[in-house]
Protein backbone atom coordinates (compact mmCIF):
# COMPACT_ATOMS: atom_id res chain seq x y z
CA MET A 1 213.20 79.17 142.68
CA SER A 2 210.89 78.32 139.63
CA GLY A 3 207.49 80.62 139.25
CA ASN A 4 206.93 84.48 138.66
CA THR A 5 207.70 87.13 141.42
CA TRP A 6 204.15 86.81 143.01
CA THR A 7 204.20 83.14 143.65
CA ASN A 8 207.70 82.94 144.96
CA PHE A 9 206.81 86.13 147.23
CA VAL A 10 203.63 84.10 148.37
CA LYS A 11 205.87 80.97 148.92
CA ASP A 12 208.20 82.80 150.79
CA TRP A 13 205.68 84.67 153.19
CA ALA A 14 203.86 81.63 153.78
CA LYS A 15 206.97 80.11 155.13
CA ASP A 16 208.40 83.09 157.07
CA HIS A 17 204.61 83.05 158.81
CA ASP A 18 204.16 79.55 159.06
CA THR A 19 201.17 78.93 156.97
CA THR A 20 200.10 76.96 153.69
CA TYR A 21 200.24 78.73 150.01
CA MET A 22 196.56 78.75 149.87
CA CYS A 23 195.93 80.57 153.39
CA ALA A 24 198.41 83.03 152.66
CA ILE A 25 196.76 84.14 149.39
CA SER A 26 193.61 84.74 151.43
CA GLN A 27 195.32 87.37 153.90
CA PRO A 28 195.36 91.07 153.37
CA GLU A 29 198.71 91.45 155.28
CA LEU A 30 200.36 89.47 152.24
CA LYS A 31 198.92 92.08 149.42
CA LYS A 32 200.57 94.97 151.69
CA SER A 33 203.73 93.21 152.19
CA TYR A 34 203.94 92.48 148.58
CA LYS A 35 203.06 96.36 147.76
CA GLU A 36 205.86 97.25 149.78
CA HIS A 37 208.37 94.63 148.47
CA LYS A 38 207.31 95.71 144.92
CA GLN A 39 208.07 99.54 145.85
CA GLY A 40 211.27 98.95 147.26
CA LYS A 41 212.25 96.85 144.43
CA LYS A 42 211.35 99.84 142.01
CA ALA A 43 213.11 102.54 143.96
CA GLU A 44 215.95 100.45 144.01
CA LYS A 45 215.94 99.35 140.38
CA LYS A 46 215.68 103.30 139.82
CA LYS A 47 218.47 104.62 142.24
CA ASN A 48 220.93 101.61 140.42
CA SER A 49 219.80 103.16 136.76
CA PHE A 50 220.50 106.58 137.72
CA GLN A 51 224.14 105.91 138.99
CA GLU A 52 225.19 103.79 136.02
CA ILE A 53 223.84 106.78 133.60
CA LYS A 54 225.88 109.25 135.99
CA ASP A 55 228.62 107.25 135.91
CA ALA A 56 228.65 107.02 132.01
CA VAL A 57 228.20 110.62 131.84
CA VAL A 58 231.06 111.41 133.86
CA SER A 59 233.36 108.89 131.80
CA ILE A 60 232.24 110.49 128.20
CA ALA A 61 233.22 113.97 129.96
CA THR A 62 236.52 113.28 131.06
CA GLU A 63 237.24 111.36 127.52
CA ARG A 64 236.06 114.23 125.30
CA THR A 65 238.40 116.17 123.28
CA PRO A 66 238.14 119.75 122.72
CA VAL A 67 235.71 121.01 120.02
CA VAL A 68 237.37 122.45 116.69
CA GLU A 69 235.92 125.81 115.81
CA LYS A 70 234.11 125.67 112.08
CA LYS A 71 234.69 128.04 109.78
CA SER A 72 231.98 129.98 108.26
CA ARG A 73 230.54 129.32 104.82
CA GLY A 74 229.70 131.60 101.75
CA ARG A 75 230.90 134.64 100.56
CA PRO A 76 232.54 137.57 102.79
CA SER A 77 229.96 140.36 103.58
CA LYS A 78 230.35 143.26 101.13
CA TYR A 79 229.83 145.73 103.90
CA ALA A 80 232.64 146.79 106.56
CA THR A 81 230.11 147.75 108.75
CA GLU A 82 226.34 147.25 109.75
CA GLU A 83 225.33 150.94 109.05
CA GLU A 84 226.45 150.45 105.70
CA LYS A 85 224.43 147.49 105.36
CA LYS A 86 221.41 149.30 106.52
CA LYS A 87 221.94 152.38 104.37
CA ALA A 88 221.96 149.78 101.34
CA LYS A 89 218.84 148.20 102.22
CA LYS A 90 216.88 151.33 102.63
CA GLU A 91 218.09 152.35 99.16
CA LYS A 92 217.12 149.16 97.59
CA THR A 93 213.68 149.50 99.26
CA LEU A 94 213.31 153.25 98.20
CA ALA A 95 214.02 151.89 94.35
CA SER A 96 211.47 148.67 94.77
CA THR A 97 208.77 151.25 96.05
CA ARG A 98 209.28 153.50 92.92
CA ARG A 99 209.36 150.97 90.31
CA ILE A 100 205.86 149.50 92.08
CA ARG A 101 204.48 153.12 91.69
CA ALA A 102 205.60 153.40 88.44
CA ALA A 103 203.82 150.12 87.31
CA ASP A 104 200.85 150.88 88.81
CA LYS A 105 200.52 154.25 87.25
CA GLU A 106 201.32 152.49 83.53
CA ARG A 107 198.52 149.96 84.65
CA ALA A 108 195.96 152.65 85.23
CA ALA A 109 196.59 154.69 82.46
CA LYS A 110 196.00 151.68 80.09
CA ILE A 111 192.59 150.79 81.56
CA ALA A 112 191.62 154.47 81.44
CA ALA A 113 192.51 154.51 77.68
CA GLU A 114 190.86 151.18 77.24
CA GLU A 115 187.77 152.17 78.98
CA LYS A 116 188.10 155.55 76.72
CA ALA A 117 188.11 153.46 73.93
CA ARG A 118 185.37 151.19 74.74
CA ARG A 119 182.88 154.56 75.35
CA ASN A 120 183.70 155.76 72.23
CA ALA A 121 183.45 152.61 69.95
CA PRO A 122 180.05 152.00 68.02
CA PRO A 123 177.84 149.75 69.76
CA THR A 124 177.84 146.45 68.70
CA LYS A 125 175.15 143.83 67.86
CA GLU A 126 175.23 141.88 71.23
CA MET A 127 175.41 145.74 73.10
CA VAL A 128 172.25 146.63 71.23
CA GLU A 129 170.45 143.50 72.11
CA LYS A 130 171.43 143.82 75.71
CA SER A 131 170.19 147.10 76.11
CA GLN A 132 166.77 146.04 74.58
CA LEU A 133 166.73 143.31 76.96
CA GLU A 134 167.13 145.57 79.76
CA LYS A 135 164.72 147.91 78.44
CA LEU A 136 162.13 145.26 78.60
CA GLU A 137 162.93 143.87 81.61
CA GLU A 138 162.45 147.40 83.20
CA GLU A 139 159.42 147.86 81.38
CA ASN A 140 158.14 144.73 82.69
CA LYS A 141 158.97 145.56 86.22
CA LYS A 142 156.94 148.74 85.91
CA LEU A 143 154.02 146.83 84.31
CA GLU A 144 154.09 143.94 87.22
CA GLU A 145 154.20 146.76 89.85
CA LYS A 146 151.20 148.63 88.30
CA VAL A 147 149.34 145.14 88.26
CA GLN A 148 150.14 144.56 91.86
CA LYS A 149 149.11 148.17 92.76
CA GLU A 150 145.78 147.49 90.72
CA LYS A 151 145.41 144.10 92.72
CA GLU A 152 145.53 145.85 95.87
CA HIS A 153 143.48 148.77 95.01
CA LEU A 154 140.64 146.35 93.85
CA ALA A 155 141.12 144.27 96.85
CA PHE A 156 140.85 147.87 99.02
CA VAL A 157 137.64 148.48 97.26
CA ASN A 158 136.26 144.95 97.38
CA GLU A 159 136.61 145.14 101.26
CA ARG A 160 135.32 148.37 101.34
CA GLN A 161 132.15 147.44 99.30
CA ARG A 162 131.99 144.24 101.75
CA LYS A 163 132.02 146.26 105.00
CA TRP A 164 129.34 148.49 103.17
CA ASP A 165 127.16 145.55 102.24
CA GLU A 166 127.61 144.06 105.58
CA ALA A 167 126.26 147.63 106.91
CA GLU A 168 123.25 147.92 104.47
CA GLU A 169 122.47 144.42 105.39
CA LEU A 170 122.47 145.31 109.17
CA LYS A 171 120.21 148.46 108.43
CA ARG A 172 117.84 146.38 106.31
CA ARG A 173 117.48 143.49 108.96
CA LYS A 174 116.62 146.59 111.59
CA LEU A 175 114.33 148.17 109.06
CA GLN A 176 112.54 144.68 108.45
CA LYS A 177 112.54 143.90 112.35
CA ASP A 178 111.07 147.37 112.77
CA SER A 179 108.47 146.68 109.95
CA GLU A 180 107.00 143.69 111.49
CA LEU A 181 103.38 144.15 112.26
CA ILE A 182 102.52 144.87 116.04
CA ILE A 183 98.99 144.98 115.31
CA THR A 184 97.07 142.49 112.37
CA PRO A 185 95.13 143.76 109.53
CA ALA A 186 91.91 142.45 110.89
CA GLU A 187 92.24 144.42 113.79
CA VAL A 188 93.02 147.40 112.27
CA LYS A 189 89.83 147.15 110.05
CA LYS A 190 87.89 146.44 113.07
CA LEU A 191 89.10 149.84 114.73
CA LEU A 192 88.50 151.66 111.45
CA ASN A 193 85.06 150.22 111.23
CA ASP A 194 84.34 150.96 114.93
CA PRO A 195 81.43 153.56 115.10
CA ASN A 196 82.14 154.71 118.58
CA ARG A 197 85.76 155.33 117.77
CA LYS A 198 86.28 158.91 117.42
CA GLU A 199 89.93 158.73 116.15
CA LYS A 200 90.05 158.29 112.16
CA TRP A 201 94.03 157.03 112.20
CA VAL A 202 95.09 154.08 113.24
CA LYS A 203 99.01 153.23 114.36
CA ILE A 204 100.76 150.54 112.71
CA ASN A 205 104.56 149.44 112.82
CA GLY A 206 104.49 149.20 108.91
CA LEU A 207 107.65 149.94 106.94
CA TYR A 208 106.80 153.28 105.01
CA ALA A 209 103.81 154.51 107.34
CA GLY A 210 103.04 154.75 110.94
CA MET A 211 99.16 155.36 110.92
CA VAL A 212 96.38 154.84 108.30
CA ARG A 213 93.15 155.36 107.90
CA LYS A 214 90.24 154.69 105.28
CA PRO A 215 90.24 157.68 102.07
CA GLU A 216 88.44 160.57 101.89
CA LEU A 217 86.64 160.94 98.24
CA HIS A 218 86.87 163.78 96.33
CA PRO A 219 83.90 166.44 96.98
CA ASN A 220 83.42 166.73 93.30
CA ARG A 221 84.02 163.18 92.03
CA PRO A 222 83.35 160.18 94.75
CA GLU A 223 85.16 157.73 92.46
CA TYR A 224 88.29 159.66 92.67
CA PRO A 225 90.14 160.22 96.23
CA ASP A 226 91.26 163.55 97.36
CA PRO A 227 94.89 163.14 97.47
CA TYR A 228 96.25 165.54 99.78
CA GLY A 229 93.19 166.78 101.65
CA TYR A 230 93.07 170.07 99.90
CA ASN A 231 89.35 169.43 98.57
CA ILE A 232 89.40 172.27 96.07
CA LYS A 233 86.28 172.34 93.61
CA LYS A 234 87.67 173.62 90.88
CA THR A 235 87.98 170.07 89.05
CA VAL A 236 88.78 169.37 85.33
CA ILE A 237 88.41 165.69 84.61
CA ASP A 238 87.96 164.10 81.32
CA PRO A 239 84.75 162.45 80.46
CA ASP A 240 86.49 159.11 79.92
CA ASP A 241 88.77 159.73 83.23
CA ILE A 242 86.87 157.25 85.08
CA ASN A 243 87.58 154.14 82.80
CA VAL A 244 91.21 154.44 82.81
CA TYR A 245 92.02 155.59 86.16
CA PRO A 246 92.74 152.36 88.38
CA MET A 247 92.00 154.29 91.83
CA ARG A 248 88.25 153.90 91.13
CA TYR A 249 88.83 149.80 91.56
CA PHE A 250 90.51 150.45 95.06
CA ILE A 251 88.24 152.71 96.49
CA PRO A 252 86.25 153.24 98.74
CA ASP A 253 86.28 149.47 100.28
CA HIS A 254 89.86 148.23 99.22
CA ILE A 255 92.52 150.61 100.19
CA TYR A 256 93.91 153.01 103.26
CA LYS A 257 95.62 156.15 103.09
CA SER A 258 98.99 156.88 105.01
CA PHE A 259 99.36 159.77 107.29
CA GLY A 260 101.29 162.74 106.36
CA ASP A 261 101.99 163.79 102.71
CA THR A 262 104.06 160.66 101.47
CA GLY A 263 101.19 159.84 99.05
CA PHE A 264 101.12 156.35 99.76
CA TRP A 265 98.23 154.05 99.73
CA TYR A 266 97.87 150.49 101.52
CA ASP A 267 96.34 147.09 101.14
CA PRO A 268 93.85 146.35 104.02
CA ILE A 269 94.54 142.52 103.83
CA THR A 270 98.12 142.91 104.31
CA LEU A 271 99.15 146.36 104.89
CA ALA A 272 101.54 146.45 102.22
CA PRO A 273 101.78 149.61 100.09
CA LEU A 274 99.99 149.34 96.39
CA GLY A 275 101.15 152.40 95.11
CA GLN A 276 101.80 156.06 95.61
CA ILE A 277 100.15 159.33 94.28
CA VAL A 278 102.99 161.63 92.72
CA SER A 279 102.57 164.80 90.69
CA LEU A 280 103.18 164.36 86.77
CA PHE A 281 106.25 166.69 86.40
CA ASP A 282 107.87 164.22 89.19
CA TYR A 283 106.75 161.12 87.48
CA LYS A 284 108.35 162.56 84.25
CA GLU A 285 111.54 163.45 85.90
CA LYS A 286 111.56 159.99 87.16
CA HIS A 287 110.44 158.44 84.55
CA PRO A 288 111.29 160.60 81.30
CA ASN A 289 110.76 158.06 78.84
CA ASN A 290 107.72 156.56 79.76
CA LYS A 291 104.62 157.17 77.25
CA GLU A 292 101.73 155.51 79.55
CA ILE A 293 99.66 158.38 79.28
CA ARG A 294 96.48 156.41 80.44
CA LYS A 295 98.17 156.32 83.91
CA ILE A 296 97.34 160.07 84.06
CA SER A 297 94.14 161.69 85.67
CA LEU A 298 93.46 165.20 86.09
CA MET A 299 92.45 166.05 90.01
CA ASP A 300 92.00 169.81 91.22
CA ASP A 301 93.56 171.63 88.23
CA ARG A 302 96.61 169.45 88.67
CA ASN A 303 97.67 165.84 87.04
CA TRP A 304 98.42 163.08 89.07
CA VAL A 305 99.84 159.60 88.70
CA PHE A 306 99.24 156.65 90.94
CA ASP A 307 102.64 154.54 90.43
CA MET A 308 101.57 151.18 91.37
CA THR A 309 103.98 148.62 93.17
CA PRO A 310 103.74 144.92 92.08
CA LEU A 311 101.16 144.24 94.91
CA GLY A 312 99.17 147.09 93.49
CA LYS A 313 99.15 145.63 89.95
CA ILE A 314 98.28 142.07 91.28
CA ARG A 315 95.43 143.41 93.40
CA LEU A 316 94.49 145.92 90.72
CA LYS A 317 93.79 142.88 88.15
CA GLU A 318 91.95 140.97 90.73
CA LEU A 319 89.55 143.86 91.28
CA MET A 320 89.08 144.42 87.66
CA LYS A 321 87.84 140.67 87.55
CA GLU A 322 85.34 141.41 89.98
C-alpha cells in the first residue's frame, strides 16, 4: 500500500469498521487502536533485536580462540621479596630527609650571615634619607594629633561658652522681666507727695531697688544729701564744694534714694539709677588711675564720690542748663 504507517492504518481501520476515511479520523477508538498497534510493533521489534544480539554473541563466543598470556614489560625487579623492597624505600626516604634538612640549615646560616653583615654595614645615603623621611612622617603624625586635640578642646570650650552664654541670657531675661515696673513713675511721685500718707517708702519692682523715697538733706548743709542717714554734725566741707559736687543739681526735687545701704539714687522720671554714692577708698580701688578729683566732696568727716551712670550724666547736663 502507498502512504505512511498512519494513513495505511486509518484506511485498514475504516475498512474493518465499514466507514469512510474521514469519519474514521474523528473517532477516538481509532486513536486508541493506533496506540496499541504502535506499542505492539515496538515490543516485537525490541524482542527481535534482542534475539539477534543474543545469537550474535553466542556465535562469537563459540568461535573465539584461547587468549595468549602476555609477557611483562620492563626490567626485572631488583628485590627478591616485598620486605627487601620496603626496606630499600625506607632508607631512600631517610636519606632524602637528611639532605633536605642539611639544605635548610645551610640556607638559614646564609640568611643569618647576610643579616649580620647588613646590620654591621655603614648606612647608605638611601638608608639615611629613608630614616629621615620616617622621622618626619612620625613628627607630622604627632603634630596632626596635637592639632586634632586642640581642635577638640577648642570645640569643647566653645560649647561650654555657648551653654554659659545661654544660661546668662536666660538669667538676663529673667532679671529684665523681674525689673519691669508694676507701678508707674507718676504713681510713685503721687504717693511720695501725698501728705496723708505716713509711710515714706514706696515699693517698686526696679532692677536694683525694691523701694524708693525722697532724700534726706544733710542737717548742716541742705545742698548735700545725708548718704547713709548718720546725721553726724562734724562736717568738713571746702568752701567751693558746692560748685563742683553734682549732687546739688539733683536734689531736693530731682532724685529718689533707694532703700538700704546700696547707695543708689534714682531718676523720678524713669525710676532708673542715676548713680551710686561710694567711699573714696572703694572708688580708688575700683578706678586706681582716675584723676578726676573734682568729683570728690567731703561729708561727715569722710570722702564720698557720686559715680554717675550714663543716664545720670545726661540728666546732670539737662539740669545744669536750667
